[in-house]
Amino acid sequence: MVSDAAPTSQQSPDAFAGKLERTEVQRGPCSVPGREIVQVLTEIPVGVESGWHTHPGEEVGYIDAGTVEVLVEGRPPRTLHAGEGFLIPPGTPHNARDLGPGTGRMLSTYLVEIGEPLVTLLG
């Protein structure tokens, strides 16, 4: 489970740097051996998309503000609004795009393999 250590808030240096604003809220051990929990707040400017990418574990997300289209390989597109959540299986290609009118903001919790990059861009 997550440790009792105080959360650290920092810019998360990952493959989205310069495209999306991502702030790592906290990171800690997981009860699953070889995994850690990473929580990230992502802001997506209007009309911007993340680009197709994967994560080395599950993503459990929540739309905090705005309207975001989420595309997950093998599933129909979903348009999510503030207050709605989403789940993305490990290693599954997906893409998110802010539909406006304002900046989309999502909080994602990742249960990922320790030592692997949090984000791998595809193509």
C-alpha atoms as a PDB file:
ATOM      1  CA  MET A   1       0.000   0.000   0.000  1.00  0.00           C
ATOM      2  CA  VAL A   2       0.993   3.650  -0.191  1.00  0.00           C
ATOM      3  CA  SER A   3       3.439   4.730   2.489  1.00  0.00           C
ATOM      4  CA  ASP A   4       2.629   7.298   5.146  1.00  0.00           C
ATOM      5  CA  ALA A   5       5.297   9.605   3.743  1.00  0.00           C
ATOM      6  CA  ALA A   6       4.121  13.072   2.791  1.00  0.00           C
ATOM      7  CA  PRO A   7       3.158  13.318  -0.882  1.00  0.00           C
ATOM      8  CA  THR A   8       5.667  14.943  -3.180  1.00  0.00           C
ATOM      9  CA  SER A   9       4.447  17.370  -5.810  1.00  0.00           C
ATOM     10  CA  GLN A  10       6.732  17.864  -8.783  1.00  0.00           C
ATOM     11  CA  GLN A  11       6.747  18.122 -12.526  1.00  0.00           C
ATOM     12  CA  SER A  12       6.849  14.589 -13.865  1.00  0.00           C
ATOM     13  CA  PRO A  13       9.609  14.254 -16.480  1.00  0.00           C
ATOM     14  CA  ASP A  14       8.071  11.877 -18.995  1.00  0.00           C
ATOM     15  CA  ALA A  15       7.406  11.527 -22.719  1.00  0.00           C
ATOM     16  CA  PHE A  16       4.700  14.235 -22.577  1.00  0.00           C
ATOM     17  CA  ALA A  17       7.125  16.980 -21.490  1.00  0.00           C
ATOM     18  CA  GLY A  18       6.498  20.152 -23.499  1.00  0.00           C
ATOM     19  CA  LYS A  19       3.121  18.929 -24.778  1.00  0.00           C
ATOM     20  CA  LEU A  20       0.967  18.516 -21.669  1.00  0.00           C
ATOM     21  CA  GLU A  21       1.424  19.925 -18.190  1.00  0.00           C
ATOM     22  CA  ARG A  22       1.858  16.976 -15.813  1.00  0.00           C
ATOM     23  CA  THR A  23       2.483  17.202 -12.086  1.00  0.00           C
ATOM     24  CA  GLU A  24       3.366  14.124 -10.090  1.00  0.00           C
ATOM     25  CA  VAL A  25       1.205  14.295  -6.967  1.00  0.00           C
ATOM     26  CA  GLN A  26       2.638  11.270  -5.179  1.00  0.00           C
ATOM     27  CA  ARG A  27       4.578   8.040  -5.654  1.00  0.00           C
ATOM     28  CA  GLY A  28       4.852   5.089  -3.304  1.00  0.00           C
ATOM     29  CA  PRO A  29       5.116   1.340  -2.932  1.00  0.00           C
ATOM     30  CA  CYS A  30       2.292  -0.983  -3.933  1.00  0.00           C
ATOM     31  CA  SER A  31       1.174  -4.219  -2.238  1.00  0.00           C
ATOM     32  CA  VAL A  32       1.830  -6.007  -5.547  1.00  0.00           C
ATOM     33  CA  PRO A  33       5.510  -7.032  -5.695  1.00  0.00           C
ATOM     34  CA  GLY A  34       7.483  -5.186  -8.390  1.00  0.00           C
ATOM     35  CA  ARG A  35       4.866  -2.430  -8.735  1.00  0.00           C
ATOM     36  CA  GLU A  36       4.534   1.124  -7.476  1.00  0.00           C
ATOM     37  CA  ILE A  37       1.666   3.602  -7.391  1.00  0.00           C
ATOM     38  CA  VAL A  38       2.139   6.926  -9.165  1.00  0.00           C
ATOM     39  CA  GLN A  39      -0.496   9.657  -9.162  1.00  0.00           C
ATOM     40  CA  VAL A  40      -0.319  12.425 -11.767  1.00  0.00           C
ATOM     41  CA  LEU A  41      -2.422  15.526 -12.455  1.00  0.00           C
ATOM     42  CA  THR A  42      -2.486  16.267 -16.202  1.00  0.00           C
ATOM     43  CA  GLU A  43      -3.703  19.459 -17.871  1.00  0.00           C
ATOM     44  CA  ILE A  44      -4.511  19.255 -21.579  1.00  0.00           C
ATOM     45  CA  PRO A  45      -4.907  22.557 -23.455  1.00  0.00           C
ATOM     46  CA  VAL A  46      -7.917  22.962 -25.741  1.00  0.00           C
ATOM     47  CA  GLY A  47      -7.549  20.957 -28.955  1.00  0.00           C
ATOM     48  CA  VAL A  48      -4.324  19.252 -27.838  1.00  0.00           C
ATOM     49  CA  GLU A  49      -4.041  15.476 -27.700  1.00  0.00           C
ATOM     50  CA  SER A  50      -1.626  13.299 -25.805  1.00  0.00           C
ATOM     51  CA  GLY A  51      -0.765  11.147 -28.813  1.00  0.00           C
ATOM     52  CA  TRP A  52      -1.071   7.372 -28.789  1.00  0.00           C
ATOM     53  CA  HIS A  53       0.857   5.902 -25.873  1.00  0.00           C
ATOM     54  CA  THR A  54       1.010   3.098 -23.309  1.00  0.00           C
ATOM     55  CA  HIS A  55       1.809   2.682 -19.605  1.00  0.00           C
ATOM     56  CA  PRO A  56       3.547  -0.298 -17.932  1.00  0.00           C
ATOM     57  CA  GLY A  57       0.506  -0.979 -15.760  1.00  0.00           C
ATOM     58  CA  GLU A  58      -3.094   0.017 -15.108  1.00  0.00           C
ATOM     59  CA  GLU A  59      -4.321   3.609 -15.345  1.00  0.00           C
ATOM     60  CA  VAL A  60      -7.289   4.588 -13.194  1.00  0.00           C
ATOM     61  CA  GLY A  61      -8.387   8.093 -14.177  1.00  0.00           C
ATOM     62  CA  TYR A  62     -10.869  10.786 -13.261  1.00  0.00           C
ATOM     63  CA  ILE A  63     -11.799  13.895 -15.274  1.00  0.00           C
ATOM     64  CA  ASP A  64     -11.550  16.814 -12.848  1.00  0.00           C
ATOM     65  CA  ALA A  65     -12.396  19.580 -15.336  1.00  0.00           C
ATOM     66  CA  GLY A  66     -13.338  19.979 -18.976  1.00  0.00           C
ATOM     67  CA  THR A  67     -14.374  17.544 -21.669  1.00  0.00           C
ATOM     68  CA  VAL A  68     -11.895  14.941 -22.890  1.00  0.00           C
ATOM     69  CA  GLU A  69     -12.236  12.410 -25.693  1.00  0.00           C
ATOM     70  CA  VAL A  70     -10.525   9.152 -24.727  1.00  0.00           C
ATOM     71  CA  LEU A  71      -9.625   6.651 -27.424  1.00  0.00           C
ATOM     72  CA  VAL A  72      -8.582   3.169 -26.283  1.00  0.00           C
ATOM     73  CA  GLU A  73      -7.471   0.547 -28.790  1.00  0.00           C
ATOM     74  CA  GLY A  74     -10.238  -1.989 -29.390  1.00  0.00           C
ATOM     75  CA  ARG A  75     -12.954   0.137 -27.771  1.00  0.00           C
ATOM     76  CA  PRO A  76     -15.353   2.776 -29.112  1.00  0.00           C
ATOM     77  CA  PRO A  77     -14.367   6.429 -28.449  1.00  0.00           C
ATOM     78  CA  ARG A  78     -15.646   7.928 -25.188  1.00  0.00           C
ATOM     79  CA  THR A  79     -16.365  11.574 -24.469  1.00  0.00           C
ATOM     80  CA  LEU A  80     -15.825  12.174 -20.768  1.00  0.00           C
ATOM     81  CA  HIS A  81     -16.915  15.185 -18.728  1.00  0.00           C
ATOM     82  CA  ALA A  82     -15.869  16.464 -15.312  1.00  0.00           C
ATOM     83  CA  GLY A  83     -16.825  13.909 -12.680  1.00  0.00           C
ATOM     84  CA  GLU A  84     -16.443  10.837 -14.920  1.00  0.00           C
ATOM     85  CA  GLY A  85     -13.807   8.141 -14.625  1.00  0.00           C
ATOM     86  CA  PHE A  86     -12.003   5.712 -16.903  1.00  0.00           C
ATOM     87  CA  LEU A  87      -9.863   2.570 -16.700  1.00  0.00           C
ATOM     88  CA  ILE A  88      -7.101   1.599 -19.119  1.00  0.00           C
ATOM     89  CA  PRO A  89      -5.534  -1.887 -19.000  1.00  0.00           C
ATOM     90  CA  PRO A  90      -1.740  -2.284 -18.837  1.00  0.00           C
ATOM     91  CA  GLY A  91       0.128  -1.807 -22.104  1.00  0.00           C
ATOM     92  CA  THR A  92      -3.024  -0.800 -24.026  1.00  0.00           C
ATOM     93  CA  PRO A  93      -2.500   1.968 -26.611  1.00  0.00           C
ATOM     94  CA  HIS A  94      -4.680   5.009 -25.958  1.00  0.00           C
ATOM     95  CA  ASN A  95      -4.979   8.723 -26.707  1.00  0.00           C
ATOM     96  CA  ALA A  96      -6.708  11.652 -24.973  1.00  0.00           C
ATOM     97  CA  ARG A  97      -7.791  14.945 -26.572  1.00  0.00           C
ATOM     98  CA  ASP A  98      -9.289  18.002 -24.919  1.00  0.00           C
ATOM     99  CA  LEU A  99     -12.503  19.042 -26.660  1.00  0.00           C
ATOM    100  CA  GLY A 100     -12.786  22.453 -24.960  1.00  0.00           C
ATOM    101  CA  PRO A 101     -14.036  24.981 -24.340  1.00  0.00           C
ATOM    102  CA  GLY A 102     -11.503  25.094 -21.477  1.00  0.00           C
ATOM    103  CA  THR A 103      -8.447  23.196 -20.389  1.00  0.00           C
ATOM    104  CA  GLY A 104      -9.086  19.559 -19.576  1.00  0.00           C
ATOM    105  CA  ARG A 105      -7.733  18.337 -16.261  1.00  0.00           C
ATOM    106  CA  MET A 106      -7.473  14.685 -15.260  1.00  0.00           C
ATOM    107  CA  LEU A 107      -6.119  12.889 -12.232  1.00  0.00           C
ATOM    108  CA  SER A 108      -4.592   9.510 -13.072  1.00  0.00           C
ATOM    109  CA  THR A 109      -3.364   6.834 -10.719  1.00  0.00           C
ATOM    110  CA  TYR A 110      -0.985   4.300 -12.243  1.00  0.00           C
ATOM    111  CA  LEU A 111      -0.111   0.870 -10.797  1.00  0.00           C
ATOM    112  CA  VAL A 112       3.069   0.322 -12.751  1.00  0.00           C
ATOM    113  CA  GLU A 113       6.204  -1.770 -12.970  1.00  0.00           C
ATOM    114  CA  ILE A 114       9.045  -0.264 -10.940  1.00  0.00           C
ATOM    115  CA  GLY A 115      11.867   1.080 -13.089  1.00  0.00           C
ATOM    116  CA  GLU A 116       9.867   1.292 -16.334  1.00  0.00           C
ATOM    117  CA  PRO A 117       9.105   4.632 -18.037  1.00  0.00           C
ATOM    118  CA  LEU A 118       5.678   5.859 -16.954  1.00  0.00           C
ATOM    119  CA  VAL A 119       4.766   6.771 -20.556  1.00  0.00           C
ATOM    120  CA  THR A 120       5.868   5.287 -23.879  1.00  0.00           C
ATOM    121  CA  LEU A 121       4.785   7.236 -26.971  1.00  0.00           C
ATOM    122  CA  LEU A 122       3.860   5.173 -30.025  1.00  0.00           C
ATOM    123  CA  GLY A 123       4.585   5.997 -33.641  1.00  0.00           C
END
